[in-house]
């Protein structure tokens, strides 16, 4: 053994004892960086009452407004358009001339038919004279009589075509569309003008799926809201239901629309008087039909629904102990801002409408009633400090 290393042993022993003493004192001292965990404050929420009523699931569709007596005016004969005296939007009176063809060809046909009648009548008179003088047979007289009748019929047909070379308004109404212009060549029956009758009323045609069309009957009430007049509901009733589906697999129904306002949303004050509400063909509208069949549903504000998936959603309801309970519900349909619940709220009288985003199964709640209090009173979530996970007591 090296004698020079012997004096170091007592010094190492003293250093070891000093280190152990420091570690022991450090372990017993409290860690000032660790925060105390606080109990979360109650979450402020607002609730709404669950209303149970017999409601019918509304049928909603979109359609186009048109006149009940909308018609396409055309010429019976083809030809060149001579003139059109009206424009789109013009009002017309019954019997008013709206468009004419060039008369040359039609007038020639009438003249030819008239000359054919004159010749047939002369032949008939000659045959009558010869028959009376026993110079013609009864057959010849009958043939002349028949030829005269045919010629007169052809003259009537030519005059009929001449009359139909002019398009006249069949009733009081309005010009919806002008489909031709002067000097254009049109075919027989080709639409030239589209007219609407003034007294026939307005209808909206809507395409419905088969699951909806079986729930309605004629005379079922409906409400129509036009995109041009938002907030104004026009009353209507179903007047026709198609018996066969279209190529798209839908069924077309016809709704008679009244111009009487059923309900109007309040408007802001205006300095000028707004124009009167005028219905026009082609306006787009939303239709809501109320079928007669109803079922009992629980009505809650749609804001109470959380975690929606298809027709399923979660609703939070307060319990008697100041906590909350989640209910998985089935949404049957919506009515404006209300959700109709068919399953899941049996025995529940109140649901949380505001503040539900902050809730879980262990949350404590505080009910508020004043407007805006729920949003402003929602407490911040208490998060422990970084050292809380290793907090401990004295050894």
Protein backbone atom coordinates (compact mmCIF):
# COMPACT_ATOMS: atom_id res chain seq x y z
CA UNK A 1 0.00 0.00 0.00
CA UNK A 2 1.14 3.50 -0.86
CA UNK A 3 1.49 5.47 2.32
CA UNK A 4 0.91 8.82 0.55
CA UNK A 5 -2.81 7.91 -0.10
CA UNK A 6 -3.71 7.20 3.53
CA UNK A 7 -4.44 10.82 4.60
CA UNK A 8 -7.16 11.11 1.83
CA UNK A 9 -9.52 8.55 3.40
CA UNK A 10 -10.85 10.79 6.21
CA UNK A 11 -11.43 13.62 3.69
CA UNK A 12 -13.51 11.41 1.35
CA UNK A 13 -15.63 10.22 4.25
CA UNK A 14 -16.46 13.80 5.26
CA UNK A 15 -17.47 14.73 1.69
CA UNK A 16 -19.78 11.72 1.42
CA UNK A 17 -21.57 12.60 4.68
CA UNK A 18 -21.99 16.22 3.55
CA UNK A 19 -23.57 15.16 0.22
CA UNK A 20 -26.02 12.80 1.90
CA UNK A 21 -27.06 15.52 4.33
CA UNK A 22 -27.70 17.98 1.48
CA UNK A 23 -29.83 15.47 -0.45
CA UNK A 24 -31.87 14.69 2.67
CA UNK A 25 -32.56 18.36 3.37
CA UNK A 26 -33.46 19.00 -0.27
CA UNK A 27 -35.94 16.16 -0.30
CA UNK A 28 -37.68 17.44 2.81
CA UNK A 29 -38.00 21.03 1.53
CA UNK A 30 -41.33 21.85 -0.28
CA UNK A 31 -41.29 22.46 -4.07
CA UNK A 32 -42.54 26.04 -4.49
CA UNK A 33 -43.06 25.56 -8.30
CA UNK A 34 -45.96 23.10 -7.81
CA UNK A 35 -49.46 24.67 -7.98
CA UNK A 36 -52.44 23.48 -6.01
CA UNK A 37 -55.22 21.73 -8.06
CA UNK A 38 -58.51 23.66 -7.82
CA UNK A 39 -62.05 22.33 -8.21
CA UNK A 40 -63.57 23.51 -11.55
CA UNK A 41 -66.33 26.10 -11.18
CA UNK A 42 -69.86 25.20 -12.36
CA UNK A 43 -70.45 25.79 -16.07
CA UNK A 44 -73.12 28.38 -16.83
CA UNK A 45 -75.75 27.00 -19.22
CA UNK A 46 -79.17 27.91 -20.49
CA UNK A 47 -81.96 25.35 -20.85
CA UNK A 48 -85.24 25.02 -22.72
CA UNK A 49 -88.38 23.09 -21.99
CA UNK A 50 -89.17 19.95 -23.95
CA UNK A 51 -92.56 20.34 -25.66
CA UNK A 52 -94.45 17.22 -26.72
CA UNK A 53 -96.99 17.72 -29.49
CA UNK A 54 -98.64 15.90 -32.36
CA UNK A 55 -96.87 17.21 -35.45
CA UNK A 56 -96.79 16.24 -39.10
CA UNK A 57 -93.47 15.98 -40.81
CA UNK A 58 -93.56 18.77 -43.40
CA UNK A 59 -92.83 18.06 -47.05
CA UNK A 60 -90.53 20.64 -48.58
CA UNK A 61 -89.93 21.16 -52.29
CA UNK A 62 -88.99 23.72 -54.90
CA UNK A 63 -91.02 24.70 -57.93
CA UNK A 64 -91.62 27.29 -60.62
CA UNK A 65 -94.59 29.65 -60.62
CA UNK A 66 -96.73 29.78 -63.75
CA UNK A 67 -100.17 30.81 -64.88
CA UNK A 68 -102.86 28.17 -64.72
CA UNK A 69 -103.96 29.08 -68.28
CA UNK A 70 -100.53 29.36 -69.88
CA UNK A 71 -100.75 28.68 -73.62
CA UNK A 72 -98.50 28.67 -76.69
CA UNK A 73 -99.96 30.61 -79.62
CA UNK A 74 -99.02 29.49 -83.16
CA UNK A 75 -100.18 29.67 -86.77
CA UNK A 76 -102.14 26.81 -88.30
CA UNK A 77 -100.22 27.20 -91.55
CA UNK A 78 -96.53 27.67 -92.17
CA UNK A 79 -95.26 30.84 -93.73
CA UNK A 80 -93.31 34.05 -93.31
CA UNK A 81 -94.21 36.21 -90.31
CA UNK A 82 -95.43 39.59 -91.47
CA UNK A 83 -95.61 41.41 -88.13
CA UNK A 84 -95.88 40.90 -84.39
CA UNK A 85 -97.67 43.73 -82.61
CA UNK A 86 -96.81 42.90 -78.96
CA UNK A 87 -93.71 42.50 -76.82
CA UNK A 88 -92.99 40.43 -73.73
CA UNK A 89 -94.85 41.76 -70.71
CA UNK A 90 -97.58 43.52 -72.69
CA UNK A 91 -101.17 43.10 -71.56
CA UNK A 92 -103.60 41.89 -74.21
CA UNK A 93 -107.37 41.87 -74.60
CA UNK A 94 -109.57 39.09 -75.86
CA UNK A 95 -109.69 39.07 -79.69
CA UNK A 96 -106.72 41.43 -80.12
CA UNK A 97 -104.54 40.68 -83.18
CA UNK A 98 -101.06 39.76 -81.98
CA UNK A 99 -99.23 38.44 -85.08
CA UNK A 100 -99.93 37.86 -88.78
CA UNK A 101 -98.46 35.89 -91.68
CA UNK A 102 -97.80 37.30 -95.12
CA UNK A 103 -101.17 37.03 -96.82
CA UNK A 104 -100.10 36.38 -100.43
CA UNK A 105 -100.13 32.60 -100.33
CA UNK A 106 -103.28 32.39 -98.22
CA UNK A 107 -105.18 34.89 -100.36
CA UNK A 108 -104.25 32.97 -103.50
CA UNK A 109 -105.64 29.78 -101.99
CA UNK A 110 -108.91 31.53 -101.13
CA UNK A 111 -109.17 32.97 -104.63
CA UNK A 112 -108.57 29.57 -106.24
CA UNK A 113 -111.19 27.97 -104.04
CA UNK A 114 -113.68 30.71 -104.93
CA UNK A 115 -113.13 30.23 -108.66
CA UNK A 116 -113.55 26.49 -108.23
CA UNK A 117 -116.93 27.12 -106.63
CA UNK A 118 -118.01 29.35 -109.51
CA UNK A 119 -117.08 26.68 -112.06
CA UNK A 120 -118.81 23.94 -110.08
CA UNK A 121 -122.00 25.99 -109.84
CA UNK A 122 -121.96 26.63 -113.62
CA UNK A 123 -121.48 22.94 -114.29
CA UNK A 124 -124.34 22.14 -111.94
CA UNK A 125 -126.67 24.60 -113.68
CA UNK A 126 -125.77 23.16 -117.12
CA UNK A 127 -126.30 19.61 -115.91
CA UNK A 128 -129.68 20.56 -114.47
CA UNK A 129 -130.79 22.04 -117.79
CA UNK A 130 -129.61 19.04 -119.77
CA UNK A 131 -131.27 16.65 -117.35
CA UNK A 132 -134.57 18.47 -117.68
CA UNK A 133 -134.25 18.18 -121.49
CA UNK A 134 -133.45 14.49 -121.22
CA UNK A 135 -129.97 15.21 -122.59
CA UNK A 136 -128.13 14.22 -119.39
CA UNK A 137 -128.50 11.32 -117.07
CA UNK A 138 -129.32 11.38 -113.38
CA UNK A 139 -125.77 10.23 -112.65
CA UNK A 140 -124.30 13.25 -114.41
CA UNK A 141 -126.57 15.57 -112.46
CA UNK A 142 -125.59 13.94 -109.15
CA UNK A 143 -121.89 14.21 -110.02
CA UNK A 144 -122.24 17.92 -110.72
CA UNK A 145 -124.10 18.41 -107.45
CA UNK A 146 -121.35 16.61 -105.52
CA UNK A 147 -118.59 18.60 -107.24
CA UNK A 148 -120.32 21.82 -106.27
CA UNK A 149 -120.56 20.77 -102.63
CA UNK A 150 -116.86 19.81 -102.60
CA UNK A 151 -115.84 23.14 -104.08
CA UNK A 152 -117.85 25.03 -101.49
CA UNK A 153 -116.23 23.00 -98.67
CA UNK A 154 -112.77 23.76 -100.05
CA UNK A 155 -113.63 27.46 -100.07
CA UNK A 156 -114.67 27.30 -96.42
CA UNK A 157 -111.38 25.55 -95.55
CA UNK A 158 -109.37 28.20 -97.41
CA UNK A 159 -111.20 30.98 -95.58
CA UNK A 160 -110.62 29.17 -92.27
CA UNK A 161 -106.89 29.06 -92.99
CA UNK A 162 -107.02 32.74 -93.89
CA UNK A 163 -108.60 33.55 -90.54
CA UNK A 164 -105.93 31.52 -88.73
CA UNK A 165 -103.12 33.36 -90.48
CA UNK A 166 -103.65 35.89 -87.68
CA UNK A 167 -102.96 35.06 -84.02
CA UNK A 168 -105.57 36.61 -81.74
CA UNK A 169 -105.63 36.66 -77.95
CA UNK A 170 -108.06 33.97 -76.73
CA UNK A 171 -108.64 35.83 -73.45
CA UNK A 172 -107.46 38.81 -71.45
CA UNK A 173 -103.94 38.22 -70.24
CA UNK A 174 -100.28 38.99 -70.69
CA UNK A 175 -97.51 38.08 -73.12
CA UNK A 176 -94.94 35.94 -71.32
CA UNK A 177 -92.52 35.16 -74.15
CA UNK A 178 -92.02 36.18 -77.76
CA UNK A 179 -90.46 33.31 -79.70
CA UNK A 180 -90.37 34.68 -83.27
CA UNK A 181 -89.64 37.89 -85.15
CA UNK A 182 -90.98 39.44 -88.39
CA UNK A 183 -89.66 37.95 -91.66
CA UNK A 184 -88.94 34.61 -89.98
CA UNK A 185 -90.21 31.44 -91.63
CA UNK A 186 -92.26 29.42 -89.17
CA UNK A 187 -93.66 25.91 -89.49
CA UNK A 188 -97.30 24.98 -88.84
CA UNK A 189 -97.91 24.80 -85.09
CA UNK A 190 -94.54 26.36 -84.19
CA UNK A 191 -95.01 28.53 -81.04
CA UNK A 192 -94.73 32.24 -81.74
CA UNK A 193 -96.01 33.72 -78.46
CA UNK A 194 -96.56 32.35 -74.95
CA UNK A 195 -99.60 33.87 -73.25
CA UNK A 196 -101.10 33.67 -69.78
CA UNK A 197 -104.71 34.21 -68.84
CA UNK A 198 -105.42 36.98 -66.35
CA UNK A 199 -108.31 35.29 -64.56
CA UNK A 200 -107.07 31.69 -64.41
CA UNK A 201 -104.90 32.16 -61.31
CA UNK A 202 -101.39 31.01 -60.45
CA UNK A 203 -100.02 27.53 -59.86
CA UNK A 204 -96.70 26.07 -58.80
CA UNK A 205 -95.59 22.67 -60.03
CA UNK A 206 -93.35 20.67 -57.70
CA UNK A 207 -91.68 17.28 -58.15
CA UNK A 208 -91.94 14.96 -55.11
CA UNK A 209 -90.40 11.61 -54.27
CA UNK A 210 -92.63 8.55 -53.97
CA UNK A 211 -92.26 8.45 -50.16
CA UNK A 212 -93.72 11.98 -49.99
CA UNK A 213 -96.44 11.79 -52.63
CA UNK A 214 -98.18 8.90 -50.80
CA UNK A 215 -98.65 11.16 -47.73
CA UNK A 216 -100.72 13.83 -49.47
CA UNK A 217 -104.14 14.10 -51.08
CA UNK A 218 -105.82 16.76 -53.14
CA UNK A 219 -106.85 19.88 -51.21
CA UNK A 220 -103.95 19.45 -48.74
CA UNK A 221 -102.86 22.94 -47.55
CA UNK A 222 -99.44 24.30 -48.44
CA UNK A 223 -97.39 27.47 -48.06
CA UNK A 224 -95.34 29.03 -50.85
CA UNK A 225 -92.44 31.42 -50.27
CA UNK A 226 -90.99 33.02 -53.40
CA UNK A 227 -87.31 33.85 -53.55
CA UNK A 228 -88.27 37.28 -54.89
CA UNK A 229 -90.36 37.98 -51.77
CA UNK A 230 -88.52 36.39 -48.81
CA UNK A 231 -90.46 36.22 -45.58
CA UNK A 232 -93.86 36.37 -47.32
CA UNK A 233 -95.88 33.14 -47.17
CA UNK A 234 -98.60 32.70 -49.78
CA UNK A 235 -101.35 30.18 -48.99
CA UNK A 236 -102.01 27.39 -51.43
CA UNK A 237 -103.70 24.03 -51.87
CA UNK A 238 -102.85 20.93 -53.87
CA UNK A 239 -105.12 20.72 -56.91
CA UNK A 240 -103.51 17.94 -58.97
CA UNK A 241 -101.36 14.89 -58.20
CA UNK A 242 -99.73 12.92 -61.00
CA UNK A 243 -100.69 9.26 -61.28
CA UNK A 244 -97.47 8.25 -63.04
CA UNK A 245 -93.84 9.04 -62.35
CA UNK A 246 -91.63 11.07 -64.64
CA UNK A 247 -88.47 9.71 -66.26
CA UNK A 248 -86.59 10.90 -63.16
CA UNK A 249 -88.80 8.82 -60.87
CA UNK A 250 -90.58 11.79 -59.29
CA UNK A 251 -94.26 12.71 -59.18
CA UNK A 252 -95.39 16.17 -60.22
CA UNK A 253 -98.04 17.93 -58.19
CA UNK A 254 -99.79 21.21 -58.89
CA UNK A 255 -100.43 23.74 -56.12
CA UNK A 256 -102.92 26.55 -56.60
CA UNK A 257 -101.35 29.73 -55.17
CA UNK A 258 -103.32 32.66 -53.77
CA UNK A 259 -101.96 36.20 -54.08
CA UNK A 260 -103.26 36.97 -50.58
CA UNK A 261 -100.42 37.27 -48.08
CA UNK A 262 -100.66 34.76 -45.27
CA UNK A 263 -97.84 36.18 -43.17
CA UNK A 264 -95.07 38.65 -43.79
CA UNK A 265 -91.81 39.17 -41.96
CA UNK A 266 -91.37 42.68 -40.48
CA UNK A 267 -89.48 45.04 -42.74
CA UNK A 268 -87.13 47.84 -41.79
CA UNK A 269 -88.54 51.38 -42.09
CA UNK A 270 -88.14 52.73 -45.61
CA UNK A 271 -88.16 56.27 -46.86
CA UNK A 272 -89.99 55.26 -50.03
CA UNK A 273 -93.07 53.11 -50.42
CA UNK A 274 -92.03 49.64 -51.68
CA UNK A 275 -93.55 48.47 -54.99
CA UNK A 276 -96.65 46.28 -54.77
CA UNK A 277 -96.10 42.55 -54.76
CA UNK A 278 -96.62 41.29 -58.31
CA UNK A 279 -96.48 37.63 -59.25
CA UNK A 280 -94.70 36.78 -62.48
CA UNK A 281 -94.42 33.53 -64.36
CA UNK A 282 -91.10 31.76 -63.85
CA UNK A 283 -90.50 32.87 -60.26
CA UNK A 284 -88.76 30.25 -58.12
CA UNK A 285 -90.41 29.33 -54.83
CA UNK A 286 -90.08 27.02 -51.85
CA UNK A 287 -93.14 24.96 -50.94
CA UNK A 288 -93.94 23.50 -47.53
CA UNK A 289 -96.81 21.02 -47.39
CA UNK A 290 -98.45 19.94 -44.13
CA UNK A 291 -99.82 16.37 -44.44
CA UNK A 292 -102.82 15.30 -42.38
CA UNK A 293 -101.04 12.39 -40.66
CA UNK A 294 -99.32 13.36 -37.39
CA UNK A 295 -97.32 11.69 -34.62
CA UNK A 296 -96.24 12.66 -31.09
CA UNK A 297 -92.71 14.11 -31.04
CA UNK A 298 -90.58 16.03 -28.53
CA UNK A 299 -89.75 19.52 -29.81
CA UNK A 300 -86.46 21.08 -28.69
CA UNK A 301 -84.36 23.93 -30.11
CA UNK A 302 -81.96 22.69 -32.75
CA UNK A 303 -79.14 24.37 -30.80
CA UNK A 304 -79.51 21.62 -28.18
CA UNK A 305 -78.21 18.97 -30.59
CA UNK A 306 -74.57 17.91 -30.39
CA UNK A 307 -72.43 15.31 -32.18
CA UNK A 308 -74.88 14.70 -35.01
CA UNK A 309 -74.43 11.65 -37.21
CA UNK A 310 -77.16 11.03 -39.75
CA UNK A 311 -80.43 11.26 -37.82
CA UNK A 312 -78.75 10.55 -34.47
CA UNK A 313 -77.50 13.27 -32.11
CA UNK A 314 -76.65 13.86 -28.45
CA UNK A 315 -78.67 16.07 -26.10
CA UNK A 316 -77.58 17.12 -22.60
CA UNK A 317 -80.20 17.38 -19.87
CA UNK A 318 -79.75 18.67 -16.28
CA UNK A 319 -80.29 16.24 -13.41
CA UNK A 320 -81.54 16.86 -9.88
CA UNK A 321 -78.03 16.89 -8.37
CA UNK A 322 -76.67 19.83 -10.35
CA UNK A 323 -74.99 17.68 -12.98
CA UNK A 324 -75.89 16.70 -16.52
CA UNK A 325 -76.86 13.51 -18.32
CA UNK A 326 -76.34 12.86 -22.03
CA UNK A 327 -79.13 11.31 -24.10
CA UNK A 328 -78.65 9.81 -27.55
CA UNK A 329 -81.72 10.83 -29.57
CA UNK A 330 -83.20 10.21 -33.00
CA UNK A 331 -84.23 13.30 -34.98
CA UNK A 332 -87.41 12.76 -36.99
CA UNK A 333 -87.49 16.12 -38.81
CA UNK A 334 -86.96 19.85 -38.38
CA UNK A 335 -89.57 22.62 -38.17
CA UNK A 336 -87.90 26.01 -38.63
CA UNK A 337 -85.41 26.22 -35.72
CA UNK A 338 -86.96 23.30 -33.80
CA UNK A 339 -85.89 19.66 -33.92
CA UNK A 340 -88.59 17.00 -33.61
CA UNK A 341 -87.22 14.10 -31.55
CA UNK A 342 -88.91 10.73 -31.99
CA UNK A 343 -86.76 8.67 -29.57
CA UNK A 344 -84.42 9.25 -26.65
CA UNK A 345 -86.07 11.97 -24.54
CA UNK A 346 -88.59 9.87 -22.64
CA UNK A 347 -89.09 11.45 -19.21
CA UNK A 348 -86.82 14.44 -19.95
CA UNK A 349 -88.37 17.87 -19.33
CA UNK A 350 -85.40 20.25 -19.86
CA UNK A 351 -82.46 20.24 -22.28
CA UNK A 352 -79.32 22.37 -22.40
CA UNK A 353 -79.36 24.80 -25.33
CA UNK A 354 -76.32 27.01 -24.60
CA UNK A 355 -73.04 25.95 -23.07
CA UNK A 356 -73.38 22.29 -24.03
CA UNK A 357 -70.08 22.40 -25.92
CA UNK A 358 -68.24 22.60 -22.56
CA UNK A 359 -70.05 19.70 -20.88
CA UNK A 360 -69.00 16.17 -20.06
CA UNK A 361 -70.38 13.44 -17.82
CA UNK A 362 -68.69 14.90 -14.69
CA UNK A 363 -69.60 18.56 -15.29
CA UNK A 364 -71.43 20.66 -12.73
CA UNK A 365 -73.75 23.30 -14.14
CA UNK A 366 -75.31 26.59 -13.11
CA UNK A 367 -78.56 27.65 -14.79
CA UNK A 368 -78.75 31.23 -16.10
CA UNK A 369 -81.74 33.06 -17.49
CA UNK A 370 -80.67 36.55 -18.58
CA UNK A 371 -79.82 36.92 -22.29
CA UNK A 372 -76.11 36.66 -23.00
CA UNK A 373 -75.20 35.51 -19.48
CA UNK A 374 -74.41 31.96 -20.53
CA UNK A 375 -71.82 33.05 -23.06
CA UNK A 376 -70.15 35.58 -20.75
CA UNK A 377 -70.25 33.38 -17.63
CA UNK A 378 -68.64 30.30 -19.13
CA UNK A 379 -65.54 29.79 -16.94
CA UNK A 380 -62.11 29.08 -18.26
CA UNK A 381 -60.98 25.49 -17.92
CA UNK A 382 -58.59 25.11 -14.94
CA UNK A 383 -55.32 23.48 -16.03
CA UNK A 384 -52.77 22.34 -13.36
CA UNK A 385 -49.28 23.85 -13.45
CA UNK A 386 -46.45 21.93 -15.05
CA UNK A 387 -45.11 20.60 -11.74
CA UNK A 388 -48.40 19.28 -10.43
CA UNK A 389 -47.82 15.83 -11.83
CA UNK A 390 -44.84 15.24 -9.56
CA UNK A 391 -46.20 16.95 -6.41
CA UNK A 392 -45.48 14.99 -3.24
CA UNK A 393 -45.19 15.31 0.56
CA UNK A 394 -42.28 15.12 2.95
CA UNK A 395 -40.52 11.81 3.22
